[in-house]
Amino acid sequence: MPKVQIYDKAMCCSTGVCGPQVDPVLPRFAADLEWLQSQGHDVDRFNLAQEPAEFVKNSTVQKLLTDEGVECLPLVIIDDRVVSQGEYPTRENLALWTGTSMKATLPMASDSGCCGGNSGCCK
């Protein structure tokens, strides 16, 4: 499974989903990362305000910050390759970059219960 790393701008908390005015993109992105983890991916997310050492440890991140400043954040790195910078990608892009299927699975009706067997509720 690909390793996914997110390097965020300085935010008040690890997801940025706090405070009086929350950017609506942040809750969506947090949910997308949770989904990616539920698919078995290793996801690490670093906040510049809370984990600056992580930004220094990664030479790619360090170079981008030196060359472009914090405007390059957020950075999304998958398997040591920068796939997105300066914006939060969609779930579709995360799925594409990690080779994760977006197929939805729907529960199947069973032989017991309302819509199974001879109950007649599905007529």
Protein backbone atom coordinates (compact mmCIF):
# COMPACT_ATOMS: atom_id res chain seq x y z
CA MET A 1 0.00 0.00 0.00
CA PRO A 2 1.30 3.47 -0.82
CA LYS A 3 2.40 5.69 2.06
CA VAL A 4 0.59 9.04 2.14
CA GLN A 5 2.01 12.11 3.88
CA ILE A 6 0.28 15.45 4.27
CA TYR A 7 2.20 18.60 5.27
CA ASP A 8 -0.24 21.33 6.33
CA LYS A 9 0.21 25.04 6.93
CA ALA A 10 0.25 26.16 10.54
CA MET A 11 -3.22 25.51 11.97
CA CYS A 12 -4.74 25.68 15.44
CA CYS A 13 -5.16 21.90 15.62
CA SER A 14 -4.07 18.82 13.71
CA THR A 15 -6.95 18.99 11.21
CA GLY A 16 -7.77 22.71 11.18
CA VAL A 17 -11.38 21.85 11.96
CA CYS A 18 -11.72 24.15 14.95
CA GLY A 19 -12.06 27.81 15.74
CA PRO A 20 -14.75 30.30 14.77
CA GLN A 21 -14.31 30.08 10.99
CA VAL A 22 -13.51 26.66 9.57
CA ASP A 23 -12.50 26.40 5.93
CA PRO A 24 -15.18 24.04 4.49
CA VAL A 25 -12.51 22.15 2.55
CA LEU A 26 -10.83 20.96 5.77
CA PRO A 27 -13.65 18.73 7.11
CA ARG A 28 -14.05 17.17 3.66
CA PHE A 29 -10.33 16.50 3.41
CA ALA A 30 -10.20 15.06 6.95
CA ALA A 31 -13.02 12.68 5.97
CA ASP A 32 -11.18 11.76 2.77
CA LEU A 33 -8.05 10.89 4.77
CA GLU A 34 -10.12 8.78 7.18
CA TRP A 35 -11.57 6.97 4.17
CA LEU A 36 -8.08 6.39 2.77
CA GLN A 37 -6.97 4.91 6.10
CA SER A 38 -10.06 2.68 6.15
CA GLN A 39 -8.88 1.33 2.79
CA GLY A 40 -5.64 0.18 4.44
CA HIS A 41 -3.30 3.06 3.59
CA ASP A 42 -0.72 4.46 5.99
CA VAL A 43 -1.55 8.17 6.29
CA ASP A 44 0.59 10.67 8.22
CA ARG A 45 -0.50 14.29 8.59
CA PHE A 46 1.81 17.00 9.90
CA ASN A 47 0.91 20.52 11.02
CA LEU A 48 3.64 23.16 10.70
CA ALA A 49 2.62 24.82 13.98
CA GLN A 50 2.67 21.60 15.98
CA GLU A 51 5.29 19.42 14.27
CA PRO A 52 7.90 21.67 12.63
CA ALA A 53 10.60 18.99 13.04
CA GLU A 54 8.74 16.76 10.56
CA PHE A 55 9.05 19.49 7.92
CA VAL A 56 12.79 19.76 8.53
CA LYS A 57 13.31 15.97 8.44
CA ASN A 58 11.95 15.66 4.90
CA SER A 59 14.44 17.11 2.40
CA THR A 60 11.80 17.49 -0.34
CA VAL A 61 9.51 19.47 1.97
CA GLN A 62 12.42 21.53 3.22
CA LYS A 63 13.50 22.42 -0.35
CA LEU A 64 9.97 23.39 -1.41
CA LEU A 65 9.56 25.59 1.66
CA THR A 66 12.92 27.25 0.98
CA ASP A 67 12.17 27.79 -2.73
CA GLU A 68 8.45 28.66 -2.57
CA GLY A 69 7.65 29.50 1.05
CA VAL A 70 4.54 28.34 2.90
CA GLU A 71 2.43 28.95 -0.22
CA CYS A 72 3.47 25.45 -1.36
CA LEU A 73 1.50 24.00 1.58
CA PRO A 74 -0.43 21.82 1.89
CA LEU A 75 1.83 19.23 0.32
CA VAL A 76 0.63 15.73 -0.45
CA ILE A 77 3.41 13.21 -0.87
CA ILE A 78 2.76 9.61 -1.86
CA ASP A 79 5.65 7.18 -1.70
CA ASP A 80 8.17 10.05 -1.55
CA ARG A 81 6.70 11.77 -4.63
CA VAL A 82 4.94 15.16 -4.44
CA VAL A 83 1.53 14.71 -6.07
CA SER A 84 -0.15 17.94 -4.95
CA GLN A 85 0.87 21.28 -3.51
CA GLY A 86 -0.91 24.47 -2.52
CA GLU A 87 -4.39 22.90 -2.34
CA TYR A 88 -6.27 20.00 -0.82
CA PRO A 89 -6.99 17.32 -3.43
CA THR A 90 -10.29 15.52 -3.87
CA ARG A 91 -11.02 11.98 -2.72
CA GLU A 92 -11.05 10.99 -6.38
CA ASN A 93 -7.50 12.25 -6.83
CA LEU A 94 -6.33 10.52 -3.65
CA ALA A 95 -7.89 7.29 -4.92
CA LEU A 96 -6.27 7.68 -8.33
CA TRP A 97 -2.81 8.42 -6.92
CA THR A 98 -2.95 5.50 -4.47
CA GLY A 99 -4.63 3.00 -6.81
CA THR A 100 -7.65 2.75 -4.51
CA SER A 101 -11.03 1.73 -5.90
CA MET A 102 -13.88 4.20 -5.43
CA LYS A 103 -16.51 1.48 -5.95
CA ALA A 104 -19.25 1.72 -3.40
CA THR A 105 -20.41 -1.46 -1.78
CA LEU A 106 -24.08 -1.73 -0.93
CA PRO A 107 -25.47 -4.13 1.64
CA MET A 108 -27.29 -7.09 0.20
CA ALA A 109 -30.78 -8.08 1.33
CA SER A 110 -30.82 -11.31 3.24
CA ASP A 111 -33.30 -14.18 3.23
CA SER A 112 -34.63 -13.01 6.56
CA GLY A 113 -36.03 -9.66 7.49
CA CYS A 114 -38.33 -7.27 5.73
CA CYS A 115 -37.00 -7.47 2.20
CA GLY A 116 -36.10 -11.13 2.14
CA GLY A 117 -37.90 -14.42 1.89
CA ASN A 118 -41.67 -14.25 1.56
CA SER A 119 -42.35 -11.13 3.61
CA GLY A 120 -43.93 -9.34 0.67
CA CYS A 121 -42.54 -5.92 1.63
CA CYS A 122 -40.55 -5.50 -1.59
CA LYS A 123 -43.51 -5.92 -3.95
